Amino acid sequence: MTELPVDVLAEYRMEIAAEFEAYFSSITEHIACLDKERGRVLHEARAATEAYARLISTIPAGKDLP
């Protein structure tokens, strides 16, 4: 990373800080969205597993399953 001169940092301090805050806010929202979607997919997978288990339990035991 290129080091910026102190006078440049001082001049643009507020702008740089605002950009970093916006970036981290955006990342936080993105991660929250991913967490929410992960929960939804896990719920969907559990429901599919339960449906499959019910299906398997209705097939006579003499049948070979993959």
N, C-alpha and C. Protein backbone atom coordinates (compact mmCIF):
# COMPACT_ATOMS: atom_id res chain seq x y z
N MET A 1 0.85 -1.17 0.00
CA MET A 1 0.00 0.00 0.00
C MET A 1 0.89 1.24 0.00
N THR A 2 0.55 2.21 -0.79
CA THR A 2 1.31 3.45 -0.88
C THR A 2 0.95 4.35 0.29
N GLU A 3 1.97 4.81 0.98
CA GLU A 3 1.75 5.73 2.10
C GLU A 3 1.47 7.13 1.55
N LEU A 4 0.48 7.77 2.10
CA LEU A 4 0.14 9.14 1.68
C LEU A 4 0.83 10.14 2.60
N PRO A 5 1.20 11.29 2.05
CA PRO A 5 1.79 12.33 2.89
C PRO A 5 0.80 12.78 3.98
N VAL A 6 1.34 13.18 5.11
CA VAL A 6 0.53 13.59 6.25
C VAL A 6 -0.40 14.74 5.89
N ASP A 7 0.07 15.71 5.09
CA ASP A 7 -0.79 16.84 4.75
C ASP A 7 -1.97 16.40 3.88
N VAL A 8 -1.76 15.40 3.03
CA VAL A 8 -2.87 14.87 2.21
C VAL A 8 -3.86 14.14 3.11
N LEU A 9 -3.36 13.33 4.02
CA LEU A 9 -4.24 12.63 4.96
C LEU A 9 -5.05 13.61 5.79
N ALA A 10 -4.41 14.66 6.25
CA ALA A 10 -5.12 15.66 7.05
C ALA A 10 -6.20 16.35 6.24
N GLU A 11 -5.88 16.68 4.99
CA GLU A 11 -6.84 17.39 4.14
C GLU A 11 -8.06 16.52 3.81
N TYR A 12 -7.83 15.24 3.60
CA TYR A 12 -8.92 14.36 3.17
C TYR A 12 -9.39 13.39 4.25
N ARG A 13 -9.00 13.65 5.48
CA ARG A 13 -9.31 12.75 6.60
C ARG A 13 -10.79 12.43 6.69
N MET A 14 -11.64 13.43 6.66
CA MET A 14 -13.08 13.22 6.81
C MET A 14 -13.64 12.41 5.63
N GLU A 15 -13.18 12.73 4.43
CA GLU A 15 -13.64 12.01 3.24
C GLU A 15 -13.20 10.54 3.27
N ILE A 16 -11.95 10.32 3.66
CA ILE A 16 -11.44 8.95 3.76
C ILE A 16 -12.21 8.18 4.82
N ALA A 17 -12.44 8.80 5.97
CA ALA A 17 -13.19 8.15 7.04
C ALA A 17 -14.60 7.80 6.59
N ALA A 18 -15.25 8.71 5.88
CA ALA A 18 -16.61 8.46 5.40
C ALA A 18 -16.64 7.30 4.41
N GLU A 19 -15.64 7.21 3.55
CA GLU A 19 -15.56 6.10 2.59
C GLU A 19 -15.40 4.77 3.31
N PHE A 20 -14.52 4.72 4.31
CA PHE A 20 -14.33 3.48 5.06
C PHE A 20 -15.60 3.10 5.82
N GLU A 21 -16.26 4.07 6.42
CA GLU A 21 -17.50 3.78 7.14
C GLU A 21 -18.57 3.25 6.20
N ALA A 22 -18.69 3.84 5.02
CA ALA A 22 -19.66 3.36 4.02
C ALA A 22 -19.32 1.94 3.59
N TYR A 23 -18.04 1.68 3.38
CA TYR A 23 -17.59 0.35 2.98
C TYR A 23 -17.95 -0.69 4.03
N PHE A 24 -17.61 -0.43 5.29
CA PHE A 24 -17.88 -1.39 6.34
C PHE A 24 -19.37 -1.55 6.60
N SER A 25 -20.13 -0.49 6.44
CA SER A 25 -21.58 -0.58 6.57
C SER A 25 -22.15 -1.48 5.48
N SER A 26 -21.67 -1.31 4.27
CA SER A 26 -22.12 -2.13 3.15
C SER A 26 -21.77 -3.60 3.36
N ILE A 27 -20.56 -3.85 3.82
CA ILE A 27 -20.12 -5.23 4.08
C ILE A 27 -20.99 -5.86 5.17
N THR A 28 -21.30 -5.10 6.21
CA THR A 28 -22.14 -5.60 7.29
C THR A 28 -23.51 -5.99 6.77
N GLU A 29 -24.09 -5.16 5.92
CA GLU A 29 -25.40 -5.47 5.33
C GLU A 29 -25.32 -6.71 4.45
N HIS A 30 -24.24 -6.83 3.69
CA HIS A 30 -24.08 -7.99 2.81
C HIS A 30 -23.97 -9.28 3.62
N ILE A 31 -23.18 -9.26 4.67
CA ILE A 31 -23.02 -10.45 5.51
C ILE A 31 -24.34 -10.81 6.19
N ALA A 32 -25.10 -9.82 6.63
CA ALA A 32 -26.41 -10.09 7.23
C ALA A 32 -27.33 -10.74 6.21
N CYS A 33 -27.28 -10.29 4.97
CA CYS A 33 -28.09 -10.87 3.90
C CYS A 33 -27.68 -12.33 3.67
N LEU A 34 -26.38 -12.59 3.63
CA LEU A 34 -25.90 -13.96 3.45
C LEU A 34 -26.34 -14.85 4.60
N ASP A 35 -26.27 -14.35 5.83
CA ASP A 35 -26.71 -15.12 7.00
C ASP A 35 -28.19 -15.46 6.91
N LYS A 36 -28.99 -14.49 6.49
CA LYS A 36 -30.43 -14.71 6.36
C LYS A 36 -30.70 -15.78 5.30
N GLU A 37 -30.02 -15.69 4.17
CA GLU A 37 -30.20 -16.66 3.09
C GLU A 37 -29.73 -18.05 3.53
N ARG A 38 -28.64 -18.11 4.28
CA ARG A 38 -28.15 -19.39 4.79
C ARG A 38 -29.21 -20.05 5.67
N GLY A 39 -29.83 -19.28 6.53
CA GLY A 39 -30.89 -19.81 7.38
C GLY A 39 -32.07 -20.32 6.57
N ARG A 40 -32.44 -19.58 5.53
CA ARG A 40 -33.55 -19.99 4.68
C ARG A 40 -33.23 -21.30 3.97
N VAL A 41 -32.02 -21.41 3.44
CA VAL A 41 -31.62 -22.61 2.71
C VAL A 41 -31.53 -23.81 3.64
N LEU A 42 -31.02 -23.62 4.84
CA LEU A 42 -30.96 -24.72 5.80
C LEU A 42 -32.36 -25.21 6.16
N HIS A 43 -33.29 -24.28 6.34
CA HIS A 43 -34.68 -24.65 6.62
C HIS A 43 -35.25 -25.45 5.45
N GLU A 44 -34.99 -24.99 4.24
CA GLU A 44 -35.47 -25.68 3.04
C GLU A 44 -34.86 -27.08 2.94
N ALA A 45 -33.58 -27.21 3.25
CA ALA A 45 -32.90 -28.51 3.20
C ALA A 45 -33.47 -29.46 4.24
N ARG A 46 -33.76 -28.95 5.43
CA ARG A 46 -34.38 -29.81 6.47
C ARG A 46 -35.74 -30.31 6.01
N ALA A 47 -36.53 -29.42 5.42
CA ALA A 47 -37.85 -29.81 4.93
C ALA A 47 -37.73 -30.87 3.84
N ALA A 48 -36.77 -30.71 2.94
CA ALA A 48 -36.56 -31.70 1.87
C ALA A 48 -36.12 -33.03 2.45
N THR A 49 -35.25 -33.01 3.45
CA THR A 49 -34.79 -34.23 4.10
C THR A 49 -35.95 -34.96 4.77
N GLU A 50 -36.80 -34.21 5.46
CA GLU A 50 -37.97 -34.81 6.11
C GLU A 50 -38.92 -35.40 5.08
N ALA A 51 -39.14 -34.70 3.97
CA ALA A 51 -40.02 -35.22 2.91
C ALA A 51 -39.43 -36.49 2.32
N TYR A 52 -38.13 -36.52 2.11
CA TYR A 52 -37.47 -37.71 1.58
C TYR A 52 -37.60 -38.87 2.56
N ALA A 53 -37.40 -38.61 3.83
CA ALA A 53 -37.52 -39.66 4.85
C ALA A 53 -38.94 -40.23 4.86
N ARG A 54 -39.94 -39.36 4.73
CA ARG A 54 -41.34 -39.84 4.68
C ARG A 54 -41.55 -40.71 3.44
N LEU A 55 -41.01 -40.29 2.31
CA LEU A 55 -41.14 -41.05 1.07
C LEU A 55 -40.50 -42.43 1.22
N ILE A 56 -39.28 -42.46 1.73
CA ILE A 56 -38.56 -43.72 1.90
C ILE A 56 -39.32 -44.66 2.83
N SER A 57 -39.93 -44.12 3.86
CA SER A 57 -40.64 -44.97 4.82
C SER A 57 -41.91 -45.57 4.22
N THR A 58 -42.40 -45.02 3.10
CA THR A 58 -43.60 -45.58 2.47
C THR A 58 -43.27 -46.64 1.42
N ILE A 59 -42.00 -46.75 1.02
CA ILE A 59 -41.60 -47.75 0.04
C ILE A 59 -41.42 -49.09 0.76
N PRO A 60 -41.99 -50.16 0.23
CA PRO A 60 -41.83 -51.47 0.87
C PRO A 60 -40.35 -51.83 1.04
N ALA A 61 -40.04 -52.53 2.13
CA ALA A 61 -38.66 -52.85 2.49
C ALA A 61 -37.96 -53.70 1.45
N GLY A 62 -38.68 -54.44 0.63
CA GLY A 62 -38.07 -55.30 -0.37
C GLY A 62 -37.43 -54.56 -1.52
N LYS A 63 -37.69 -53.28 -1.67
CA LYS A 63 -37.13 -52.50 -2.78
C LYS A 63 -35.71 -52.03 -2.43
N ASP A 64 -34.83 -52.09 -3.42
CA ASP A 64 -33.47 -51.57 -3.23
C ASP A 64 -33.48 -50.07 -3.47
N LEU A 65 -32.83 -49.36 -2.57
CA LEU A 65 -32.72 -47.91 -2.71
C LEU A 65 -31.30 -47.55 -3.11
N PRO A 66 -31.16 -46.46 -3.84
CA PRO A 66 -29.79 -46.04 -4.22
C PRO A 66 -28.98 -45.63 -3.02
